[in-house]
């Protein structure tokens, strides 16, 4: 099943993240993401977001660049309505996530108890938005924050836009 859009929500009763998905046909499914699996997902995705040019940048500047990219990605966040699951929607426990980097992002194959994995194609901006949402859900859950890089947990402020016509 190819996921068209998704939302993430923390469920305190389950102490899990609900990954609500919708396919192009409008079918919804809630996948449960445990803290354990989400920690592995975060530690696998974060290194993939390192820009190729970052190897030439000193560590303090690299974190600042990551913060700015994160802030830029969040500028477009929230313009798509959340997925609304119904009581009839299926649910499953996410067992693993296969990550396939692409030219501008990555594909995620979410393996659960269903007949085949769900696939989600994300741009780099969408990956960053997803990480920010998961970080906020970690805060709400009171889960340990040791897996999070500083550029998500302590973002640098974006520089003010240059005046029109300015030359740098």
Protein backbone atom coordinates (compact mmCIF):
# COMPACT_ATOMS: atom_id res chain seq x y z
CA UNK A 1 0.00 0.00 0.00
CA UNK A 2 1.38 3.40 -0.99
CA UNK A 3 0.71 5.98 1.71
CA UNK A 4 -0.64 9.29 0.41
CA UNK A 5 -0.39 11.17 3.72
CA UNK A 6 0.11 10.45 7.40
CA UNK A 7 -0.14 11.95 10.87
CA UNK A 8 1.55 11.13 14.15
CA UNK A 9 -0.03 11.24 17.60
CA UNK A 10 1.04 10.11 21.06
CA UNK A 11 -1.40 7.81 22.89
CA UNK A 12 -0.74 7.94 26.65
CA UNK A 13 -2.86 4.83 27.34
CA UNK A 14 -0.76 2.78 24.91
CA UNK A 15 2.48 4.71 25.66
CA UNK A 16 3.10 4.55 21.93
CA UNK A 17 3.06 6.78 18.91
CA UNK A 18 0.16 6.22 16.55
CA UNK A 19 1.28 6.55 12.94
CA UNK A 20 -2.01 7.18 11.12
CA UNK A 21 -1.80 6.56 7.39
CA UNK A 22 -4.10 7.13 4.44
CA UNK A 23 -3.67 5.65 0.97
CA UNK A 24 -4.78 7.25 -2.30
CA UNK A 25 -8.11 5.43 -2.05
CA UNK A 26 -8.84 7.03 1.33
CA UNK A 27 -8.32 3.88 3.41
CA UNK A 28 -6.81 4.57 6.81
CA UNK A 29 -4.63 2.46 9.07
CA UNK A 30 -3.07 3.15 12.47
CA UNK A 31 0.35 1.66 13.05
CA UNK A 32 1.76 1.64 16.57
CA UNK A 33 5.35 2.82 16.89
CA UNK A 34 6.99 1.80 20.15
CA UNK A 35 9.64 3.86 21.91
CA UNK A 36 12.20 1.15 21.17
CA UNK A 37 11.53 1.11 17.43
CA UNK A 38 11.32 4.91 17.22
CA UNK A 39 14.77 5.22 18.86
CA UNK A 40 16.23 2.98 16.15
CA UNK A 41 14.40 4.91 13.44
CA UNK A 42 15.74 8.24 14.69
CA UNK A 43 19.32 7.02 14.95
CA UNK A 44 19.10 5.63 11.41
CA UNK A 45 17.51 8.72 9.80
CA UNK A 46 19.49 11.55 11.41
CA UNK A 47 22.85 10.65 9.78
CA UNK A 48 21.14 10.50 6.38
CA UNK A 49 20.24 14.19 6.72
CA UNK A 50 23.88 15.29 6.91
CA UNK A 51 24.53 17.43 3.83
CA UNK A 52 27.45 16.30 1.69
CA UNK A 53 29.09 19.70 2.18
CA UNK A 54 28.93 19.31 5.96
CA UNK A 55 32.19 17.34 5.95
CA UNK A 56 33.97 20.59 5.06
CA UNK A 57 32.27 22.60 7.83
CA UNK A 58 33.44 22.88 11.43
CA UNK A 59 31.18 21.10 13.95
CA UNK A 60 29.58 24.23 15.50
CA UNK A 61 28.72 25.55 12.05
CA UNK A 62 27.40 22.19 10.90
CA UNK A 63 24.88 22.17 13.75
CA UNK A 64 23.81 25.71 12.82
CA UNK A 65 23.34 24.70 9.19
CA UNK A 66 21.23 21.71 10.29
CA UNK A 67 19.13 24.01 12.51
CA UNK A 68 18.49 26.36 9.62
CA UNK A 69 17.51 23.52 7.31
CA UNK A 70 15.19 22.23 10.03
CA UNK A 71 13.59 25.66 10.47
CA UNK A 72 13.16 26.03 6.70
CA UNK A 73 11.43 22.64 6.50
CA UNK A 74 9.07 23.61 9.33
CA UNK A 75 8.07 26.84 7.57
CA UNK A 76 5.75 24.80 5.31
CA UNK A 77 4.50 22.48 8.05
CA UNK A 78 0.82 22.15 8.90
CA UNK A 79 -0.67 23.00 5.51
CA UNK A 80 -2.07 19.49 5.00
CA UNK A 81 -4.93 18.31 7.24
CA UNK A 82 -4.28 15.44 9.66
CA UNK A 83 -5.35 11.91 8.84
CA UNK A 84 -8.56 11.06 10.69
CA UNK A 85 -8.86 7.38 11.48
CA UNK A 86 -12.24 5.87 12.25
CA UNK A 87 -13.19 3.19 14.74
CA UNK A 88 -13.41 0.79 11.77
CA UNK A 89 -9.80 1.52 10.71
CA UNK A 90 -7.36 -1.34 10.98
CA UNK A 91 -4.40 -1.17 13.34
CA UNK A 92 -1.10 -2.96 13.59
CA UNK A 93 2.16 -2.94 15.50
CA UNK A 94 5.09 -1.67 13.45
CA UNK A 95 7.81 -4.33 13.50
CA UNK A 96 10.51 -2.66 11.43
CA UNK A 97 11.19 0.19 9.04
CA UNK A 98 13.34 -0.20 5.94
CA UNK A 99 14.93 3.08 4.82
CA UNK A 100 15.91 3.67 1.22
CA UNK A 101 17.63 7.05 0.61
CA UNK A 102 16.57 8.88 -2.56
CA UNK A 103 17.99 11.91 -4.35
CA UNK A 104 15.79 14.30 -2.35
CA UNK A 105 14.69 12.37 0.72
CA UNK A 106 13.93 8.76 1.41
CA UNK A 107 11.42 5.97 1.06
CA UNK A 108 10.23 4.19 4.19
CA UNK A 109 8.77 0.68 4.10
CA UNK A 110 6.79 0.18 7.32
CA UNK A 111 6.57 -3.52 8.16
CA UNK A 112 3.64 -4.53 10.36
CA UNK A 113 1.37 -7.54 10.65
CA UNK A 114 -0.30 -6.76 7.31
CA UNK A 115 0.15 -8.61 4.04
CA UNK A 116 2.78 -6.20 2.72
CA UNK A 117 4.72 -3.20 4.07
CA UNK A 118 3.32 0.28 3.72
CA UNK A 119 5.53 2.56 1.67
CA UNK A 120 5.97 6.26 2.24
CA UNK A 121 8.02 8.52 -0.04
CA UNK A 122 9.33 11.61 1.75
CA UNK A 123 11.25 14.65 0.57
CA UNK A 124 14.07 15.86 2.81
CA UNK A 125 11.77 18.60 4.12
CA UNK A 126 9.07 16.03 4.96
CA UNK A 127 11.64 13.86 6.76
CA UNK A 128 12.67 16.86 8.85
CA UNK A 129 9.04 17.71 9.59
CA UNK A 130 8.40 14.12 10.67
CA UNK A 131 11.41 14.19 12.98
CA UNK A 132 10.21 17.43 14.58
CA UNK A 133 6.77 15.95 15.20
CA UNK A 134 8.28 12.78 16.70
CA UNK A 135 10.54 14.95 18.89
CA UNK A 136 7.50 16.87 20.17
CA UNK A 137 5.74 13.57 20.88
CA UNK A 138 8.81 12.40 22.82
CA UNK A 139 8.51 15.53 24.95
CA UNK A 140 4.79 14.90 25.53
CA UNK A 141 5.48 11.27 26.45
CA UNK A 142 8.36 12.09 28.78
CA UNK A 143 10.58 9.64 26.88
CA UNK A 144 14.40 9.97 27.08
CA UNK A 145 15.77 12.60 24.68
CA UNK A 146 19.31 11.23 24.40
CA UNK A 147 18.87 10.14 20.76
CA UNK A 148 18.07 13.64 19.53
CA UNK A 149 20.69 15.90 17.97
CA UNK A 150 21.04 19.45 19.28
CA UNK A 151 19.80 20.94 16.01
CA UNK A 152 16.35 19.52 16.75
CA UNK A 153 16.27 19.81 20.52
CA UNK A 154 18.00 23.23 20.66
CA UNK A 155 17.57 24.84 17.23
CA UNK A 156 19.54 27.91 16.21
CA UNK A 157 17.38 30.88 15.22
CA UNK A 158 17.12 31.53 11.50
CA UNK A 159 18.98 34.62 10.31
CA UNK A 160 16.85 37.60 9.36
CA UNK A 161 16.11 37.83 5.67
CA UNK A 162 18.37 40.17 3.73
CA UNK A 163 16.78 43.41 2.58
CA UNK A 164 15.49 43.40 -0.98
CA UNK A 165 18.23 44.20 -3.44
CA UNK A 166 21.06 43.48 -1.00
CA UNK A 167 24.20 41.88 -2.37
CA UNK A 168 26.06 39.39 -0.17
